[in-house]
């Protein structure tokens, strides 16, 4: 599966791709990730942001560099006949969920993730990309939750991680995807008893019983 991340700060993204599950998926050829430095798409002006119309604090990322970067990502991604899915990370977008991640992983559609900054991205980006007949792209605004972070790089990596771990063979054991089995927010390991501040803390007896039906009931409470 192909991922493209468009960002002003590639160095924020690169370290995450070098470790753990995502790195193994890259080495195994389960995913490909291309990082597109938005600063390279500023044109002759070399300016990526500008003051917001209507006044107010902060700066807004200009439309033209983002559009150029998105078109370049789709063009260089060797996507073939696949219809790309272009995602603009925005606090005002549709909330990202496990169900969305599962659907995207099953579809295998290339994801172009546009990481915003500052006060956001010029709203015309979405309109232009939706209207471009050569793209045939699905363009959506997505939020990772009801809060705001400094930029879209973390949301982009969260989406990449959530989708990647659902791809066949990435986790080795499909049951490692918690949403596909009965899982609890509480988990325990050895030793059976630990002592802290003069008190003994035990693993719940039901988890030691070997009775899988009762254990599932306990975990699903």
N, C-alpha and C. Protein backbone atom coordinates (compact mmCIF):
# COMPACT_ATOMS: atom_id res chain seq x y z
N UNK A 1 0.85 -1.19 0.00
CA UNK A 1 0.00 0.00 0.00
C UNK A 1 0.88 1.24 0.00
N UNK A 2 0.50 2.22 -0.79
CA UNK A 2 1.28 3.44 -0.93
C UNK A 2 0.75 4.55 -0.03
N UNK A 3 1.66 5.18 0.70
CA UNK A 3 1.34 6.37 1.50
C UNK A 3 2.21 7.52 1.01
N UNK A 4 1.61 8.69 0.91
CA UNK A 4 2.34 9.92 0.58
C UNK A 4 2.02 10.94 1.66
N UNK A 5 3.05 11.51 2.27
CA UNK A 5 2.85 12.52 3.30
C UNK A 5 3.41 13.84 2.80
N UNK A 6 2.55 14.84 2.71
CA UNK A 6 2.96 16.18 2.28
C UNK A 6 3.08 17.05 3.53
N UNK A 7 4.28 17.60 3.74
CA UNK A 7 4.55 18.29 4.99
C UNK A 7 5.60 19.39 4.82
N UNK A 8 5.52 20.39 5.67
CA UNK A 8 6.56 21.42 5.73
C UNK A 8 7.78 20.94 6.52
N UNK A 9 7.62 19.86 7.29
CA UNK A 9 8.68 19.42 8.18
C UNK A 9 8.94 17.92 8.04
N UNK A 10 9.61 17.52 6.96
CA UNK A 10 9.88 16.09 6.74
C UNK A 10 10.65 15.42 7.88
N UNK A 11 11.50 16.18 8.55
CA UNK A 11 12.30 15.58 9.62
C UNK A 11 11.47 15.18 10.84
N UNK A 12 10.24 15.70 10.94
CA UNK A 12 9.35 15.26 12.00
C UNK A 12 8.79 13.87 11.70
N UNK A 13 8.70 13.54 10.43
CA UNK A 13 8.07 12.30 10.01
C UNK A 13 9.07 11.15 9.92
N UNK A 14 10.25 11.42 9.41
CA UNK A 14 11.23 10.37 9.09
C UNK A 14 11.59 9.45 10.25
N UNK A 15 11.82 9.97 11.48
CA UNK A 15 12.22 9.05 12.55
C UNK A 15 11.20 7.98 12.87
N UNK A 16 9.90 8.29 12.75
CA UNK A 16 8.88 7.31 13.08
C UNK A 16 8.90 6.13 12.12
N UNK A 17 9.33 6.39 10.89
CA UNK A 17 9.35 5.35 9.87
C UNK A 17 10.52 4.40 10.04
N UNK A 18 11.44 4.72 10.95
CA UNK A 18 12.67 3.95 11.09
C UNK A 18 12.62 2.91 12.20
N UNK A 19 11.51 2.82 12.91
CA UNK A 19 11.44 1.91 14.07
C UNK A 19 10.17 1.08 14.06
N UNK A 20 10.21 -0.04 14.76
CA UNK A 20 9.05 -0.84 15.14
C UNK A 20 8.25 -1.37 13.94
N UNK A 21 6.94 -1.46 14.11
CA UNK A 21 6.06 -2.12 13.15
C UNK A 21 6.11 -1.47 11.77
N UNK A 22 6.07 -0.14 11.73
CA UNK A 22 6.06 0.56 10.45
C UNK A 22 7.36 0.29 9.70
N UNK A 23 8.49 0.31 10.40
CA UNK A 23 9.78 0.04 9.76
C UNK A 23 9.83 -1.38 9.20
N UNK A 24 9.30 -2.34 9.95
CA UNK A 24 9.28 -3.72 9.48
C UNK A 24 8.39 -3.87 8.25
N UNK A 25 7.26 -3.16 8.26
CA UNK A 25 6.36 -3.20 7.10
C UNK A 25 7.03 -2.62 5.86
N UNK A 26 7.81 -1.57 6.05
CA UNK A 26 8.56 -0.98 4.94
C UNK A 26 9.59 -1.95 4.40
N UNK A 27 10.36 -2.57 5.31
CA UNK A 27 11.40 -3.51 4.88
C UNK A 27 10.81 -4.72 4.17
N UNK A 28 9.63 -5.14 4.61
CA UNK A 28 8.98 -6.31 4.02
C UNK A 28 8.23 -5.99 2.72
N UNK A 29 8.19 -4.71 2.37
CA UNK A 29 7.49 -4.32 1.16
C UNK A 29 5.99 -4.30 1.28
N UNK A 30 5.48 -4.33 2.53
CA UNK A 30 4.03 -4.26 2.73
C UNK A 30 3.49 -2.86 2.44
N UNK A 31 4.32 -1.85 2.69
CA UNK A 31 3.93 -0.46 2.42
C UNK A 31 5.09 0.26 1.76
N UNK A 32 4.76 1.35 1.10
CA UNK A 32 5.75 2.30 0.61
C UNK A 32 5.33 3.69 1.09
N UNK A 33 6.29 4.45 1.59
CA UNK A 33 5.99 5.78 2.11
C UNK A 33 6.88 6.80 1.40
N UNK A 34 6.26 7.80 0.80
CA UNK A 34 6.98 8.90 0.17
C UNK A 34 6.67 10.18 0.94
N UNK A 35 7.72 10.93 1.26
CA UNK A 35 7.55 12.20 1.97
C UNK A 35 7.82 13.33 0.99
N UNK A 36 6.88 14.25 0.91
CA UNK A 36 6.99 15.37 -0.03
C UNK A 36 7.14 16.66 0.77
N UNK A 37 8.28 17.30 0.58
CA UNK A 37 8.59 18.54 1.29
C UNK A 37 7.85 19.70 0.63
N UNK A 38 6.89 20.25 1.34
CA UNK A 38 6.04 21.30 0.77
C UNK A 38 6.85 22.54 0.36
N UNK A 39 7.98 22.74 1.02
CA UNK A 39 8.79 23.93 0.70
C UNK A 39 9.31 23.90 -0.74
N UNK A 40 9.38 22.72 -1.32
CA UNK A 40 9.88 22.60 -2.68
C UNK A 40 8.83 22.98 -3.73
N UNK A 41 7.62 23.25 -3.29
CA UNK A 41 6.54 23.51 -4.23
C UNK A 41 6.05 24.96 -4.16
N UNK A 42 6.89 25.83 -3.62
CA UNK A 42 6.50 27.23 -3.45
C UNK A 42 6.56 28.05 -4.72
N UNK A 43 7.16 27.52 -5.77
CA UNK A 43 7.27 28.28 -7.01
C UNK A 43 8.32 29.37 -6.90
N UNK A 44 8.25 30.35 -7.78
CA UNK A 44 9.25 31.42 -7.83
C UNK A 44 9.25 32.27 -6.58
N UNK A 45 8.10 32.35 -5.91
CA UNK A 45 8.02 33.20 -4.72
C UNK A 45 8.66 32.54 -3.51
N UNK A 46 8.75 31.23 -3.52
CA UNK A 46 9.30 30.46 -2.40
C UNK A 46 8.58 30.78 -1.10
N UNK A 47 7.33 31.17 -1.22
CA UNK A 47 6.58 31.47 -0.01
C UNK A 47 5.44 30.48 0.11
N UNK A 48 5.36 29.82 1.24
CA UNK A 48 4.37 28.77 1.45
C UNK A 48 3.14 29.31 2.16
N UNK A 49 3.30 30.33 2.99
CA UNK A 49 2.18 30.82 3.77
C UNK A 49 1.98 32.32 3.56
N UNK A 50 0.84 32.82 3.99
CA UNK A 50 0.55 34.26 3.87
C UNK A 50 -0.52 34.61 4.90
N UNK A 51 -0.79 35.91 5.02
CA UNK A 51 -1.75 36.38 6.02
C UNK A 51 -3.17 36.00 5.64
N UNK A 52 -4.03 35.71 6.61
CA UNK A 52 -5.41 35.31 6.30
C UNK A 52 -6.26 36.50 5.83
N UNK A 53 -7.06 36.28 4.82
CA UNK A 53 -8.05 37.29 4.45
C UNK A 53 -9.08 37.40 5.58
N UNK A 54 -9.53 38.62 5.82
CA UNK A 54 -10.48 38.86 6.90
C UNK A 54 -9.81 39.19 8.22
N UNK A 55 -8.47 39.14 8.23
CA UNK A 55 -7.74 39.48 9.44
C UNK A 55 -7.63 38.33 10.41
N UNK A 56 -6.98 38.57 11.51
CA UNK A 56 -6.79 37.55 12.52
C UNK A 56 -5.33 37.17 12.67
N UNK A 57 -5.00 36.40 13.72
CA UNK A 57 -3.61 36.04 13.98
C UNK A 57 -3.13 34.90 13.09
N UNK A 58 -1.83 34.70 13.06
CA UNK A 58 -1.26 33.55 12.38
C UNK A 58 -1.21 33.68 10.88
N UNK A 59 -0.77 32.60 10.26
CA UNK A 59 -0.63 32.54 8.81
C UNK A 59 -1.40 31.35 8.27
N UNK A 60 -1.69 31.40 6.97
CA UNK A 60 -2.42 30.33 6.29
C UNK A 60 -1.53 29.77 5.18
N UNK A 61 -1.49 28.44 5.05
CA UNK A 61 -0.72 27.82 3.97
C UNK A 61 -1.41 28.08 2.65
N UNK A 62 -0.65 28.59 1.69
CA UNK A 62 -1.21 28.96 0.40
C UNK A 62 -1.68 27.73 -0.37
N UNK A 63 -2.65 27.94 -1.24
CA UNK A 63 -3.24 26.83 -1.98
C UNK A 63 -2.30 26.25 -3.03
N UNK A 64 -1.61 27.12 -3.78
CA UNK A 64 -0.85 26.64 -4.94
C UNK A 64 0.21 25.59 -4.59
N UNK A 65 1.05 25.80 -3.56
CA UNK A 65 2.06 24.78 -3.24
C UNK A 65 1.45 23.44 -2.86
N UNK A 66 0.35 23.46 -2.12
CA UNK A 66 -0.29 22.22 -1.70
C UNK A 66 -0.86 21.47 -2.90
N UNK A 67 -1.47 22.20 -3.81
CA UNK A 67 -2.03 21.57 -5.01
C UNK A 67 -0.92 20.96 -5.85
N UNK A 68 0.19 21.70 -6.04
CA UNK A 68 1.31 21.17 -6.81
C UNK A 68 1.87 19.90 -6.16
N UNK A 69 1.99 19.92 -4.84
CA UNK A 69 2.54 18.77 -4.13
C UNK A 69 1.62 17.56 -4.26
N UNK A 70 0.31 17.78 -4.16
CA UNK A 70 -0.65 16.68 -4.27
C UNK A 70 -0.62 16.07 -5.67
N UNK A 71 -0.58 16.92 -6.69
CA UNK A 71 -0.52 16.42 -8.06
C UNK A 71 0.78 15.67 -8.32
N UNK A 72 1.87 16.15 -7.74
CA UNK A 72 3.15 15.48 -7.89
C UNK A 72 3.14 14.12 -7.19
N UNK A 73 2.54 14.08 -6.00
CA UNK A 73 2.47 12.82 -5.26
C UNK A 73 1.70 11.76 -6.04
N UNK A 74 0.60 12.15 -6.61
CA UNK A 74 -0.21 11.21 -7.38
C UNK A 74 0.51 10.81 -8.65
N UNK A 75 1.17 11.77 -9.30
CA UNK A 75 1.85 11.49 -10.56
C UNK A 75 3.07 10.62 -10.40
N UNK A 76 3.82 10.82 -9.30
CA UNK A 76 5.07 10.07 -9.11
C UNK A 76 4.85 8.77 -8.35
N UNK A 77 3.62 8.56 -7.88
CA UNK A 77 3.39 7.40 -7.01
C UNK A 77 3.17 6.09 -7.74
N UNK A 78 3.16 6.11 -9.10
CA UNK A 78 2.91 4.90 -9.88
C UNK A 78 1.66 4.19 -9.37
N UNK A 79 0.59 4.96 -9.27
CA UNK A 79 -0.63 4.44 -8.68
C UNK A 79 -1.44 3.59 -9.65
N UNK A 80 -1.05 3.62 -10.94
CA UNK A 80 -1.77 2.81 -11.90
C UNK A 80 -3.21 3.24 -12.02
N UNK A 81 -4.10 2.24 -12.02
CA UNK A 81 -5.52 2.53 -12.17
C UNK A 81 -6.20 2.82 -10.84
N UNK A 82 -5.44 2.77 -9.75
CA UNK A 82 -6.03 2.99 -8.43
C UNK A 82 -6.48 4.44 -8.29
N UNK A 83 -7.66 4.61 -7.76
CA UNK A 83 -8.17 5.95 -7.49
C UNK A 83 -7.60 6.41 -6.15
N UNK A 84 -6.78 7.46 -6.14
CA UNK A 84 -6.15 7.87 -4.88
C UNK A 84 -7.15 8.49 -3.91
N UNK A 85 -6.82 8.40 -2.66
CA UNK A 85 -7.62 9.04 -1.60
C UNK A 85 -6.75 10.14 -1.01
N UNK A 86 -7.16 11.39 -1.18
CA UNK A 86 -6.39 12.53 -0.69
C UNK A 86 -7.03 13.01 0.61
N UNK A 87 -6.24 13.01 1.66
CA UNK A 87 -6.73 13.35 3.00
C UNK A 87 -6.09 14.65 3.46
N UNK A 88 -6.92 15.64 3.75
CA UNK A 88 -6.44 16.89 4.33
C UNK A 88 -6.66 16.80 5.83
N UNK A 89 -5.58 16.81 6.61
CA UNK A 89 -5.70 16.71 8.07
C UNK A 89 -6.16 18.04 8.62
N UNK A 90 -7.30 18.03 9.30
CA UNK A 90 -7.91 19.27 9.78
C UNK A 90 -8.73 19.00 11.03
N UNK A 91 -8.65 19.88 12.04
CA UNK A 91 -9.47 19.70 13.25
C UNK A 91 -10.97 19.69 12.96
N UNK A 92 -11.37 20.28 11.84
CA UNK A 92 -12.78 20.35 11.50
C UNK A 92 -13.26 19.21 10.62
N UNK A 93 -12.38 18.23 10.33
CA UNK A 93 -12.75 17.14 9.45
C UNK A 93 -13.53 16.04 10.14
N UNK A 94 -13.92 15.02 9.38
CA UNK A 94 -14.60 13.86 9.92
C UNK A 94 -13.66 13.10 10.82
N UNK A 95 -14.16 12.61 11.96
CA UNK A 95 -13.28 11.96 12.94
C UNK A 95 -12.82 10.59 12.44
N UNK A 96 -11.53 10.35 12.53
CA UNK A 96 -10.92 9.09 12.14
C UNK A 96 -11.24 8.03 13.19
N UNK A 97 -11.59 6.82 12.74
CA UNK A 97 -11.98 5.74 13.64
C UNK A 97 -11.33 4.43 13.21
N UNK A 98 -11.43 3.42 14.09
CA UNK A 98 -10.96 2.09 13.74
C UNK A 98 -11.66 1.55 12.50
N UNK A 99 -12.94 1.86 12.39
CA UNK A 99 -13.71 1.37 11.26
C UNK A 99 -13.19 1.94 9.94
N UNK A 100 -12.83 3.22 9.95
CA UNK A 100 -12.27 3.84 8.75
C UNK A 100 -10.92 3.21 8.42
N UNK A 101 -10.08 3.02 9.44
CA UNK A 101 -8.77 2.41 9.22
C UNK A 101 -8.92 1.01 8.63
N UNK A 102 -9.86 0.24 9.15
CA UNK A 102 -10.09 -1.12 8.65
C UNK A 102 -10.52 -1.10 7.19
N UNK A 103 -11.43 -0.20 6.85
CA UNK A 103 -11.93 -0.11 5.48
C UNK A 103 -10.81 0.29 4.52
N UNK A 104 -10.01 1.28 4.90
CA UNK A 104 -8.93 1.73 4.02
C UNK A 104 -7.89 0.64 3.83
N UNK A 105 -7.59 -0.11 4.89
CA UNK A 105 -6.62 -1.19 4.77
C UNK A 105 -7.12 -2.28 3.81
N UNK A 106 -8.40 -2.62 3.90
CA UNK A 106 -8.97 -3.65 3.02
C UNK A 106 -9.00 -3.18 1.57
N UNK A 107 -9.28 -1.90 1.37
CA UNK A 107 -9.36 -1.38 0.00
C UNK A 107 -7.98 -1.22 -0.62
N UNK A 108 -6.98 -0.93 0.21
CA UNK A 108 -5.62 -0.78 -0.30
C UNK A 108 -5.41 0.44 -1.17
N UNK A 109 -6.33 1.37 -1.13
CA UNK A 109 -6.24 2.58 -1.95
C UNK A 109 -5.08 3.46 -1.50
N UNK A 110 -4.29 3.99 -2.42
CA UNK A 110 -3.19 4.88 -2.03
C UNK A 110 -3.71 6.07 -1.23
N UNK A 111 -2.98 6.43 -0.18
CA UNK A 111 -3.36 7.55 0.68
C UNK A 111 -2.36 8.69 0.53
N UNK A 112 -2.87 9.86 0.19
CA UNK A 112 -2.07 11.08 0.17
C UNK A 112 -2.50 11.91 1.37
N UNK A 113 -1.61 12.05 2.33
CA UNK A 113 -1.94 12.71 3.60
C UNK A 113 -1.30 14.09 3.62
N UNK A 114 -2.14 15.12 3.67
CA UNK A 114 -1.66 16.51 3.63
C UNK A 114 -1.65 17.07 5.05
N UNK A 115 -0.47 17.34 5.57
CA UNK A 115 -0.32 17.83 6.94
C UNK A 115 -0.35 19.36 6.95
N UNK A 116 -1.36 19.92 7.59
CA UNK A 116 -1.48 21.37 7.68
C UNK A 116 -0.60 21.94 8.79
N UNK A 117 -0.54 23.24 8.84
CA UNK A 117 0.22 23.98 9.88
C UNK A 117 -0.43 25.33 10.09
N UNK A 118 0.01 26.01 11.13
CA UNK A 118 -0.40 27.38 11.42
C UNK A 118 -1.93 27.46 11.58
N UNK A 119 -2.58 28.41 10.89
CA UNK A 119 -4.03 28.54 11.00
C UNK A 119 -4.77 27.57 10.09
N UNK A 120 -4.03 26.85 9.27
CA UNK A 120 -4.65 25.87 8.39
C UNK A 120 -4.23 26.05 6.94
N UNK A 121 -4.91 25.32 6.05
CA UNK A 121 -4.63 25.34 4.62
C UNK A 121 -5.76 26.09 3.91
N UNK A 122 -5.40 26.88 2.92
CA UNK A 122 -6.40 27.59 2.11
C UNK A 122 -7.49 26.62 1.69
N UNK A 123 -8.74 26.95 1.97
CA UNK A 123 -9.88 26.05 1.73
C UNK A 123 -10.07 25.71 0.26
N UNK A 124 -9.47 26.50 -0.63
CA UNK A 124 -9.64 26.22 -2.05
C UNK A 124 -8.90 24.97 -2.51
N UNK A 125 -7.95 24.50 -1.70
CA UNK A 125 -7.23 23.27 -2.04
C UNK A 125 -8.22 22.11 -2.24
N UNK A 126 -9.10 21.95 -1.29
CA UNK A 126 -10.07 20.85 -1.35
C UNK A 126 -10.95 20.98 -2.58
N UNK A 127 -11.39 22.20 -2.88
CA UNK A 127 -12.29 22.42 -4.03
C UNK A 127 -11.57 22.13 -5.35
N UNK A 128 -10.32 22.59 -5.46
CA UNK A 128 -9.56 22.39 -6.69
C UNK A 128 -9.28 20.91 -6.93
N UNK A 129 -8.83 20.21 -5.89
CA UNK A 129 -8.49 18.79 -6.05
C UNK A 129 -9.73 17.95 -6.35
N UNK A 130 -10.85 18.31 -5.74
CA UNK A 130 -12.10 17.59 -6.02
C UNK A 130 -12.54 17.78 -7.46
N UNK A 131 -12.28 18.98 -8.00
CA UNK A 131 -12.78 19.31 -9.33
C UNK A 131 -11.84 18.89 -10.45
N UNK A 132 -10.62 18.47 -10.11
CA UNK A 132 -9.63 18.12 -11.13
C UNK A 132 -10.02 16.80 -11.80
N UNK A 133 -10.39 16.82 -13.07
CA UNK A 133 -10.84 15.60 -13.75
C UNK A 133 -9.73 14.57 -13.93
N UNK A 134 -8.48 15.01 -13.97
CA UNK A 134 -7.37 14.08 -14.18
C UNK A 134 -7.07 13.24 -12.94
N UNK A 135 -7.49 13.72 -11.78
CA UNK A 135 -7.19 13.01 -10.53
C UNK A 135 -8.15 11.85 -10.28
N UNK A 136 -9.41 12.08 -10.53
CA UNK A 136 -10.45 11.11 -10.16
C UNK A 136 -10.28 10.70 -8.70
N UNK A 137 -9.92 11.65 -7.86
CA UNK A 137 -9.55 11.35 -6.47
C UNK A 137 -10.71 11.58 -5.52
N UNK A 138 -10.72 10.79 -4.46
CA UNK A 138 -11.61 11.05 -3.33
C UNK A 138 -10.87 12.00 -2.39
N UNK A 139 -11.43 13.15 -2.13
CA UNK A 139 -10.78 14.16 -1.30
C UNK A 139 -11.61 14.37 -0.04
N UNK A 140 -10.96 14.18 1.11
CA UNK A 140 -11.68 14.30 2.38
C UNK A 140 -10.86 15.10 3.38
N UNK A 141 -11.57 15.75 4.31
CA UNK A 141 -10.93 16.33 5.49
C UNK A 141 -11.14 15.37 6.66
N UNK A 142 -10.05 15.05 7.35
CA UNK A 142 -10.10 14.09 8.45
C UNK A 142 -9.47 14.69 9.70
N UNK A 143 -10.09 14.44 10.84
CA UNK A 143 -9.56 14.85 12.14
C UNK A 143 -9.27 13.60 12.96
N UNK A 144 -8.25 13.64 13.80
CA UNK A 144 -7.97 12.48 14.66
C UNK A 144 -8.65 12.60 16.02
N UNK A 145 -9.41 13.65 16.23
CA UNK A 145 -10.11 13.77 17.51
C UNK A 145 -10.52 15.20 17.79
N UNK A 146 -11.28 15.35 18.86
CA UNK A 146 -11.84 16.65 19.22
C UNK A 146 -10.83 17.47 20.02
N UNK A 147 -9.71 17.73 19.39
CA UNK A 147 -8.67 18.57 20.00
C UNK A 147 -7.77 19.07 18.87
N UNK A 148 -6.89 20.01 19.18
CA UNK A 148 -6.03 20.60 18.16
C UNK A 148 -4.57 20.39 18.53
N UNK A 149 -3.77 19.96 17.54
CA UNK A 149 -2.32 19.85 17.74
C UNK A 149 -1.63 20.86 16.84
N UNK A 150 -0.32 21.00 17.01
CA UNK A 150 0.41 22.05 16.31
C UNK A 150 0.41 21.89 14.80
N UNK A 151 0.48 20.66 14.33
CA UNK A 151 0.51 20.43 12.89
C UNK A 151 -0.06 19.08 12.54
N UNK A 152 -0.13 18.81 11.24
CA UNK A 152 -0.75 17.57 10.77
C UNK A 152 0.17 16.38 10.69
N UNK A 153 1.44 16.54 11.08
CA UNK A 153 2.38 15.41 10.96
C UNK A 153 2.01 14.26 11.88
N UNK A 154 1.70 14.57 13.15
CA UNK A 154 1.30 13.49 14.07
C UNK A 154 0.01 12.82 13.62
N UNK A 155 -1.04 13.57 13.25
CA UNK A 155 -2.23 12.91 12.71
C UNK A 155 -1.93 12.03 11.49
N UNK A 156 -1.05 12.49 10.59
CA UNK A 156 -0.70 11.70 9.41
C UNK A 156 -0.05 10.38 9.82
N UNK A 157 0.84 10.43 10.80
CA UNK A 157 1.51 9.22 11.25
C UNK A 157 0.55 8.29 11.98
N UNK A 158 -0.39 8.86 12.72
CA UNK A 158 -1.40 8.03 13.40
C UNK A 158 -2.22 7.27 12.37
N UNK A 159 -2.63 7.94 11.31
CA UNK A 159 -3.41 7.27 10.27
C UNK A 159 -2.56 6.21 9.57
N UNK A 160 -1.33 6.55 9.24
CA UNK A 160 -0.44 5.59 8.60
C UNK A 160 -0.27 4.34 9.47
N UNK A 161 -0.04 4.54 10.77
CA UNK A 161 0.15 3.43 11.70
C UNK A 161 -1.11 2.59 11.81
N UNK A 162 -2.25 3.24 12.01
CA UNK A 162 -3.52 2.53 12.21
C UNK A 162 -3.90 1.69 10.99
N UNK A 163 -3.63 2.21 9.80
CA UNK A 163 -3.95 1.47 8.59
C UNK A 163 -2.93 0.35 8.36
N UNK A 164 -1.64 0.67 8.54
CA UNK A 164 -0.58 -0.30 8.27
C UNK A 164 -0.73 -1.55 9.11
N UNK A 165 -1.02 -1.41 10.41
CA UNK A 165 -1.08 -2.58 11.28
C UNK A 165 -2.24 -3.51 10.94
N UNK A 166 -3.17 -3.03 10.11
CA UNK A 166 -4.29 -3.87 9.70
C UNK A 166 -4.05 -4.58 8.37
N UNK A 167 -2.94 -4.28 7.70
CA UNK A 167 -2.64 -4.93 6.43
C UNK A 167 -2.21 -6.37 6.68
N UNK A 168 -2.61 -7.30 5.83
CA UNK A 168 -2.26 -8.71 6.02
C UNK A 168 -0.75 -8.92 6.16
N UNK A 169 -0.36 -9.65 7.20
CA UNK A 169 1.03 -10.02 7.39
C UNK A 169 1.88 -9.01 8.13
N UNK A 170 1.36 -7.82 8.39
CA UNK A 170 2.19 -6.80 9.05
C UNK A 170 2.47 -7.17 10.51
N UNK A 171 1.44 -7.61 11.23
CA UNK A 171 1.62 -7.96 12.65
C UNK A 171 1.96 -9.43 12.87
N UNK A 172 2.02 -10.19 11.81
CA UNK A 172 2.32 -11.61 11.97
C UNK A 172 1.08 -12.39 12.36
N UNK A 173 0.59 -12.18 13.56
CA UNK A 173 -0.63 -12.82 14.04
C UNK A 173 -1.77 -11.83 13.89
N UNK A 174 -2.76 -12.19 13.08
CA UNK A 174 -3.88 -11.28 12.83
C UNK A 174 -4.62 -10.93 14.12
N UNK A 175 -4.55 -11.82 15.12
CA UNK A 175 -5.23 -11.56 16.38
C UNK A 175 -4.55 -10.46 17.18
N UNK A 176 -3.37 -10.02 16.74
CA UNK A 176 -2.71 -8.91 17.42
C UNK A 176 -3.44 -7.59 17.21
N UNK A 177 -4.31 -7.54 16.20
CA UNK A 177 -5.16 -6.36 16.02
C UNK A 177 -6.27 -6.45 17.06
N UNK A 178 -6.17 -5.62 18.09
CA UNK A 178 -7.07 -5.72 19.24
C UNK A 178 -8.54 -5.68 18.87
N UNK A 179 -8.87 -4.89 17.84
CA UNK A 179 -10.27 -4.71 17.49
C UNK A 179 -10.90 -5.97 16.89
N UNK A 180 -10.07 -6.96 16.54
CA UNK A 180 -10.59 -8.18 15.95
C UNK A 180 -10.75 -9.31 16.97
N UNK A 181 -10.58 -9.01 18.23
CA UNK A 181 -10.73 -10.01 19.28
C UNK A 181 -11.27 -9.32 20.53
N UNK A 182 -11.57 -10.12 21.55
CA UNK A 182 -12.00 -9.55 22.82
C UNK A 182 -10.76 -9.07 23.56
N UNK A 183 -10.65 -7.78 23.77
CA UNK A 183 -9.48 -7.20 24.43
C UNK A 183 -9.94 -6.27 25.54
N UNK A 184 -9.09 -6.13 26.53
CA UNK A 184 -9.41 -5.27 27.67
C UNK A 184 -8.42 -4.13 27.76
N UNK A 185 -8.86 -3.01 28.36
CA UNK A 185 -7.92 -1.92 28.56
C UNK A 185 -6.94 -2.22 29.69
N UNK A 186 -7.24 -3.28 30.48
CA UNK A 186 -6.33 -3.72 31.53
C UNK A 186 -5.65 -5.01 31.10
N UNK A 187 -4.33 -5.07 31.25
CA UNK A 187 -3.62 -6.30 30.94
C UNK A 187 -2.53 -6.54 31.99
N UNK A 188 -2.14 -7.80 32.17
CA UNK A 188 -1.21 -8.20 33.22
C UNK A 188 -0.20 -9.18 32.67
N UNK A 189 0.99 -9.23 33.32
CA UNK A 189 1.99 -10.22 32.97
C UNK A 189 2.72 -10.67 34.24
N UNK A 190 3.79 -11.46 34.11
CA UNK A 190 4.52 -11.98 35.26
C UNK A 190 5.25 -10.86 36.00
N UNK A 191 5.43 -10.95 37.30
CA UNK A 191 5.02 -12.05 38.18
C UNK A 191 3.55 -11.96 38.58
N UNK A 192 3.05 -13.03 39.17
CA UNK A 192 1.65 -13.08 39.56
C UNK A 192 1.34 -12.10 40.69
N UNK A 193 2.32 -11.84 41.56
CA UNK A 193 2.16 -10.93 42.68
C UNK A 193 3.32 -9.95 42.70
N UNK A 194 3.02 -8.66 42.83
CA UNK A 194 4.08 -7.67 43.05
C UNK A 194 3.79 -6.95 44.38
N UNK A 195 4.85 -6.47 45.01
CA UNK A 195 4.72 -5.77 46.27
C UNK A 195 5.22 -4.34 46.10
N UNK A 196 4.41 -3.38 46.55
CA UNK A 196 4.78 -1.97 46.46
C UNK A 196 4.17 -1.23 47.65
N UNK A 197 4.98 -0.43 48.30
CA UNK A 197 4.53 0.37 49.45
C UNK A 197 3.85 -0.49 50.51
N UNK A 198 4.41 -1.67 50.73
CA UNK A 198 3.90 -2.55 51.78
C UNK A 198 2.62 -3.29 51.42
N UNK A 199 2.16 -3.17 50.18
CA UNK A 199 0.93 -3.87 49.77
C UNK A 199 1.26 -4.87 48.66
N UNK A 200 0.44 -5.92 48.58
CA UNK A 200 0.59 -6.95 47.56
C UNK A 200 -0.51 -6.76 46.49
N UNK A 201 -0.08 -6.79 45.28
CA UNK A 201 -1.01 -6.61 44.16
C UNK A 201 -0.98 -7.87 43.28
N UNK A 202 -2.14 -8.52 43.17
CA UNK A 202 -2.25 -9.79 42.46
C UNK A 202 -2.90 -9.63 41.09
N UNK A 203 -2.57 -10.54 40.22
CA UNK A 203 -3.28 -10.66 38.95
C UNK A 203 -4.68 -11.20 39.25
N UNK A 204 -5.74 -10.66 38.64
CA UNK A 204 -7.09 -11.19 38.87
C UNK A 204 -7.14 -12.71 38.64
N UNK A 205 -7.76 -13.41 39.57
CA UNK A 205 -7.78 -14.88 39.52
C UNK A 205 -8.39 -15.43 38.25
N UNK A 206 -9.37 -14.72 37.70
CA UNK A 206 -10.05 -15.22 36.50
C UNK A 206 -9.06 -15.39 35.35
N UNK A 207 -8.02 -14.53 35.29
CA UNK A 207 -7.05 -14.61 34.20
C UNK A 207 -6.12 -15.81 34.35
N UNK A 208 -6.10 -16.41 35.54
CA UNK A 208 -5.26 -17.58 35.80
C UNK A 208 -6.05 -18.88 35.69
N UNK A 209 -7.34 -18.76 35.42
CA UNK A 209 -8.23 -19.93 35.50
C UNK A 209 -8.13 -20.85 34.30
N UNK A 210 -7.74 -20.30 33.14
CA UNK A 210 -7.73 -21.11 31.93
C UNK A 210 -9.09 -21.27 31.30
N UNK A 211 -10.12 -20.65 31.87
CA UNK A 211 -11.49 -20.72 31.35
C UNK A 211 -11.68 -19.58 30.36
N UNK A 212 -11.53 -19.88 29.07
CA UNK A 212 -11.46 -18.82 28.06
C UNK A 212 -12.77 -18.05 27.92
N UNK A 213 -13.89 -18.74 28.06
CA UNK A 213 -15.17 -18.04 27.95
C UNK A 213 -15.33 -17.01 29.06
N UNK A 214 -14.98 -17.41 30.30
CA UNK A 214 -15.07 -16.48 31.42
C UNK A 214 -14.05 -15.35 31.29
N UNK A 215 -12.87 -15.68 30.75
CA UNK A 215 -11.84 -14.64 30.55
C UNK A 215 -12.34 -13.61 29.53
N UNK A 216 -12.95 -14.08 28.44
CA UNK A 216 -13.50 -13.15 27.44
C UNK A 216 -14.57 -12.26 28.04
N UNK A 217 -15.42 -12.85 28.88
CA UNK A 217 -16.47 -12.07 29.55
C UNK A 217 -15.85 -11.01 30.44
N UNK A 218 -14.81 -11.38 31.18
CA UNK A 218 -14.11 -10.43 32.05
C UNK A 218 -13.49 -9.30 31.23
N UNK A 219 -12.86 -9.65 30.12
CA UNK A 219 -12.19 -8.63 29.31
C UNK A 219 -13.15 -7.70 28.61
N UNK A 220 -14.36 -8.16 28.34
CA UNK A 220 -15.31 -7.35 27.58
C UNK A 220 -16.18 -6.48 28.46
N UNK A 221 -15.97 -6.52 29.78
CA UNK A 221 -16.85 -5.74 30.69
C UNK A 221 -16.59 -4.26 30.53
